[in-house]
Amino acid sequence: MIRFAMLAALTIAGFTAPALANDTATTDGLFVNIRSGPGVNHPPICLAWPNVPFTVTRCEGNWCHVNYLRSTGWMSAKHIDFKN
C-alpha cells in the first residue's frame, strides 16, 4: 500500500517512480506499443495487450524497459500498472 501511495504521489507530481528490477506489471487497461527504444521516435516492435503480465527491468525518465512474452523493448511509463 505504501508503494502504491508513493507511486501515485510521484505520478501526480509529474515524476515517474523508478522500477525495481523485475517488477511485475500490466498495462493500464489499454493496448500499448512496445518500442525499440525509449521514445515515440523509435518504431514499435509489438503490442502489449491489457491484463497480460510482463516484467519491468528498469525505468529511465518516462520510459521503462520491459520483457513482454518473447519481446524486449520500451513502454511509456504512464501506461504501466505495477503489481508489486
N, C-alpha and C. Protein backbone atom coordinates (compact mmCIF):
# COMPACT_ATOMS: atom_id res chain seq x y z
N MET A 1 0.81 -1.19 0.00
CA MET A 1 0.00 0.00 0.00
C MET A 1 0.86 1.25 0.00
N ILE A 2 1.95 1.23 0.76
CA ILE A 2 2.83 2.39 0.82
C ILE A 2 3.44 2.65 -0.55
N ARG A 3 3.85 1.59 -1.23
CA ARG A 3 4.46 1.76 -2.55
C ARG A 3 3.46 2.36 -3.54
N PHE A 4 2.19 1.92 -3.48
CA PHE A 4 1.16 2.46 -4.35
C PHE A 4 0.98 3.95 -4.08
N ALA A 5 0.92 4.33 -2.81
CA ALA A 5 0.76 5.74 -2.46
C ALA A 5 1.94 6.57 -2.94
N MET A 6 3.14 6.03 -2.82
CA MET A 6 4.34 6.74 -3.29
C MET A 6 4.31 6.91 -4.80
N LEU A 7 3.94 5.84 -5.52
CA LEU A 7 3.86 5.90 -6.97
C LEU A 7 2.81 6.91 -7.40
N ALA A 8 1.65 6.91 -6.73
CA ALA A 8 0.59 7.86 -7.06
C ALA A 8 1.05 9.29 -6.82
N ALA A 9 1.73 9.54 -5.71
CA ALA A 9 2.20 10.89 -5.40
C ALA A 9 3.23 11.35 -6.42
N LEU A 10 4.13 10.48 -6.82
CA LEU A 10 5.14 10.86 -7.81
C LEU A 10 4.51 11.10 -9.18
N THR A 11 3.52 10.29 -9.52
CA THR A 11 2.84 10.47 -10.80
C THR A 11 2.10 11.79 -10.84
N ILE A 12 1.39 12.11 -9.77
CA ILE A 12 0.67 13.38 -9.68
C ILE A 12 1.64 14.55 -9.77
N ALA A 13 2.81 14.40 -9.16
CA ALA A 13 3.82 15.46 -9.17
C ALA A 13 4.51 15.57 -10.52
N GLY A 14 4.27 14.61 -11.41
CA GLY A 14 4.88 14.66 -12.74
C GLY A 14 6.16 13.86 -12.86
N PHE A 15 6.45 13.05 -11.87
CA PHE A 15 7.64 12.23 -11.89
C PHE A 15 7.25 10.77 -12.05
N THR A 16 8.17 9.97 -12.55
CA THR A 16 7.94 8.55 -12.67
C THR A 16 8.78 7.84 -11.63
N ALA A 17 8.16 6.97 -10.87
CA ALA A 17 8.90 6.20 -9.87
C ALA A 17 9.78 5.19 -10.58
N PRO A 18 11.04 5.06 -10.18
CA PRO A 18 11.90 4.07 -10.80
C PRO A 18 11.45 2.67 -10.42
N ALA A 19 11.41 1.81 -11.40
CA ALA A 19 11.01 0.42 -11.14
C ALA A 19 12.20 -0.34 -10.58
N LEU A 20 11.93 -1.23 -9.68
CA LEU A 20 12.96 -2.13 -9.20
C LEU A 20 13.11 -3.24 -10.21
N ALA A 21 14.25 -3.87 -10.23
CA ALA A 21 14.50 -4.93 -11.20
C ALA A 21 13.44 -6.02 -11.09
N ASN A 22 12.90 -6.39 -12.22
CA ASN A 22 11.95 -7.49 -12.34
C ASN A 22 10.62 -7.26 -11.63
N ASP A 23 10.12 -6.03 -11.63
CA ASP A 23 8.78 -5.76 -11.13
C ASP A 23 7.76 -6.33 -12.12
N THR A 24 6.71 -6.93 -11.61
CA THR A 24 5.63 -7.43 -12.44
C THR A 24 4.62 -6.32 -12.67
N ALA A 25 4.11 -6.22 -13.88
CA ALA A 25 3.17 -5.16 -14.22
C ALA A 25 2.23 -5.62 -15.33
N THR A 26 1.20 -4.81 -15.57
CA THR A 26 0.33 -4.95 -16.73
C THR A 26 0.14 -3.54 -17.29
N THR A 27 -0.52 -3.44 -18.43
CA THR A 27 -0.83 -2.11 -18.94
C THR A 27 -1.98 -1.53 -18.13
N ASP A 28 -2.26 -0.27 -18.31
CA ASP A 28 -3.34 0.39 -17.58
C ASP A 28 -4.71 0.12 -18.17
N GLY A 29 -4.86 -0.97 -18.90
CA GLY A 29 -6.14 -1.34 -19.49
C GLY A 29 -6.21 -1.05 -20.98
N LEU A 30 -5.13 -0.51 -21.52
CA LEU A 30 -5.08 -0.18 -22.95
C LEU A 30 -4.14 -1.13 -23.68
N PHE A 31 -4.26 -1.17 -25.00
CA PHE A 31 -3.26 -1.81 -25.85
C PHE A 31 -2.14 -0.79 -26.00
N VAL A 32 -0.89 -1.18 -25.70
CA VAL A 32 0.22 -0.23 -25.65
C VAL A 32 1.37 -0.73 -26.52
N ASN A 33 1.94 0.18 -27.33
CA ASN A 33 3.10 -0.17 -28.15
C ASN A 33 4.32 -0.42 -27.27
N ILE A 34 5.06 -1.45 -27.62
CA ILE A 34 6.40 -1.66 -27.07
C ILE A 34 7.35 -1.27 -28.19
N ARG A 35 8.25 -0.36 -27.88
CA ARG A 35 9.11 0.23 -28.91
C ARG A 35 10.55 -0.24 -28.79
N SER A 36 11.30 -0.05 -29.86
CA SER A 36 12.70 -0.49 -29.90
C SER A 36 13.61 0.40 -29.06
N GLY A 37 13.15 1.57 -28.69
CA GLY A 37 13.93 2.49 -27.86
C GLY A 37 13.00 3.36 -27.05
N PRO A 38 13.54 4.14 -26.10
CA PRO A 38 12.72 4.95 -25.20
C PRO A 38 12.26 6.26 -25.84
N GLY A 39 11.16 6.22 -26.55
CA GLY A 39 10.60 7.42 -27.17
C GLY A 39 9.72 7.07 -28.35
N VAL A 40 8.80 7.98 -28.69
CA VAL A 40 7.88 7.71 -29.80
C VAL A 40 8.57 7.77 -31.16
N ASN A 41 9.81 8.26 -31.19
CA ASN A 41 10.56 8.29 -32.45
C ASN A 41 11.15 6.92 -32.79
N HIS A 42 11.06 5.96 -31.86
CA HIS A 42 11.52 4.59 -32.11
C HIS A 42 10.34 3.75 -32.59
N PRO A 43 10.56 2.88 -33.57
CA PRO A 43 9.45 2.11 -34.13
C PRO A 43 8.91 1.06 -33.15
N PRO A 44 7.60 0.79 -33.21
CA PRO A 44 7.03 -0.27 -32.38
C PRO A 44 7.53 -1.64 -32.82
N ILE A 45 7.75 -2.52 -31.84
CA ILE A 45 8.16 -3.89 -32.17
C ILE A 45 7.05 -4.89 -31.87
N CYS A 46 6.14 -4.53 -30.97
CA CYS A 46 4.96 -5.37 -30.70
C CYS A 46 3.94 -4.55 -29.92
N LEU A 47 2.80 -5.17 -29.67
CA LEU A 47 1.70 -4.51 -28.97
C LEU A 47 1.39 -5.28 -27.70
N ALA A 48 1.43 -4.61 -26.55
CA ALA A 48 1.08 -5.24 -25.27
C ALA A 48 -0.43 -5.19 -25.09
N TRP A 49 -1.01 -6.32 -24.76
CA TRP A 49 -2.45 -6.42 -24.53
C TRP A 49 -2.76 -6.18 -23.07
N PRO A 50 -3.95 -5.64 -22.78
CA PRO A 50 -4.35 -5.45 -21.38
C PRO A 50 -4.40 -6.78 -20.62
N ASN A 51 -4.09 -6.74 -19.35
CA ASN A 51 -4.16 -7.88 -18.44
C ASN A 51 -3.16 -8.99 -18.72
N VAL A 52 -2.21 -8.78 -19.62
CA VAL A 52 -1.15 -9.76 -19.86
C VAL A 52 0.07 -9.28 -19.07
N PRO A 53 0.50 -10.03 -18.04
CA PRO A 53 1.62 -9.56 -17.22
C PRO A 53 2.94 -9.55 -17.98
N PHE A 54 3.79 -8.61 -17.58
CA PHE A 54 5.13 -8.51 -18.13
C PHE A 54 6.07 -8.04 -17.03
N THR A 55 7.35 -8.05 -17.31
CA THR A 55 8.37 -7.67 -16.33
C THR A 55 8.98 -6.34 -16.71
N VAL A 56 9.11 -5.45 -15.73
CA VAL A 56 9.79 -4.18 -15.91
C VAL A 56 11.19 -4.34 -15.34
N THR A 57 12.21 -4.14 -16.16
CA THR A 57 13.58 -4.31 -15.69
C THR A 57 14.21 -3.01 -15.19
N ARG A 58 13.81 -1.88 -15.79
CA ARG A 58 14.31 -0.58 -15.33
C ARG A 58 13.50 0.52 -15.99
N CYS A 59 13.53 1.71 -15.39
CA CYS A 59 12.88 2.87 -15.97
C CYS A 59 13.89 4.00 -16.10
N GLU A 60 13.77 4.75 -17.19
CA GLU A 60 14.60 5.93 -17.44
C GLU A 60 13.68 7.05 -17.87
N GLY A 61 13.51 8.04 -17.01
CA GLY A 61 12.59 9.12 -17.32
C GLY A 61 11.18 8.59 -17.40
N ASN A 62 10.49 8.87 -18.50
CA ASN A 62 9.10 8.45 -18.68
C ASN A 62 8.97 7.13 -19.43
N TRP A 63 10.06 6.39 -19.59
CA TRP A 63 10.04 5.13 -20.34
C TRP A 63 10.63 4.02 -19.50
N CYS A 64 10.04 2.82 -19.65
CA CYS A 64 10.52 1.65 -18.92
C CYS A 64 10.88 0.54 -19.89
N HIS A 65 11.97 -0.14 -19.58
CA HIS A 65 12.41 -1.30 -20.36
C HIS A 65 11.64 -2.50 -19.85
N VAL A 66 10.98 -3.24 -20.76
CA VAL A 66 10.11 -4.34 -20.37
C VAL A 66 10.45 -5.63 -21.12
N ASN A 67 10.12 -6.73 -20.48
CA ASN A 67 10.15 -8.05 -21.11
C ASN A 67 8.70 -8.51 -21.20
N TYR A 68 8.16 -8.53 -22.40
CA TYR A 68 6.76 -8.88 -22.64
C TYR A 68 6.71 -10.14 -23.50
N LEU A 69 6.22 -11.23 -22.91
CA LEU A 69 6.19 -12.52 -23.58
C LEU A 69 7.57 -12.82 -24.14
N ARG A 70 7.75 -12.85 -25.46
CA ARG A 70 9.07 -13.14 -26.04
C ARG A 70 9.74 -11.89 -26.61
N SER A 71 9.21 -10.72 -26.28
CA SER A 71 9.76 -9.46 -26.79
C SER A 71 10.38 -8.64 -25.66
N THR A 72 11.37 -7.85 -26.02
CA THR A 72 12.01 -6.94 -25.09
C THR A 72 12.06 -5.57 -25.75
N GLY A 73 11.62 -4.55 -25.02
CA GLY A 73 11.62 -3.20 -25.58
C GLY A 73 11.22 -2.17 -24.54
N TRP A 74 10.75 -1.03 -25.01
CA TRP A 74 10.44 0.12 -24.16
C TRP A 74 8.97 0.48 -24.22
N MET A 75 8.40 0.81 -23.05
CA MET A 75 7.00 1.19 -22.95
C MET A 75 6.89 2.49 -22.17
N SER A 76 5.95 3.33 -22.57
CA SER A 76 5.70 4.56 -21.83
C SER A 76 5.27 4.23 -20.41
N ALA A 77 5.93 4.83 -19.42
CA ALA A 77 5.64 4.55 -18.03
C ALA A 77 4.23 4.94 -17.63
N LYS A 78 3.63 5.90 -18.34
CA LYS A 78 2.28 6.33 -17.96
C LYS A 78 1.23 5.27 -18.20
N HIS A 79 1.56 4.22 -18.97
CA HIS A 79 0.60 3.15 -19.25
C HIS A 79 0.89 1.88 -18.46
N ILE A 80 1.81 1.95 -17.50
CA ILE A 80 2.20 0.76 -16.73
C ILE A 80 1.53 0.77 -15.37
N ASP A 81 0.91 -0.36 -15.03
CA ASP A 81 0.28 -0.55 -13.74
C ASP A 81 1.12 -1.60 -12.99
N PHE A 82 1.94 -1.12 -12.04
CA PHE A 82 2.83 -2.01 -11.28
C PHE A 82 2.03 -2.87 -10.32
N LYS A 83 2.34 -4.16 -10.25
CA LYS A 83 1.60 -5.11 -9.41
C LYS A 83 2.32 -5.42 -8.11
N ASN A 84 3.60 -5.17 -8.01
CA ASN A 84 4.36 -5.49 -6.77
C ASN A 84 4.24 -4.36 -5.78
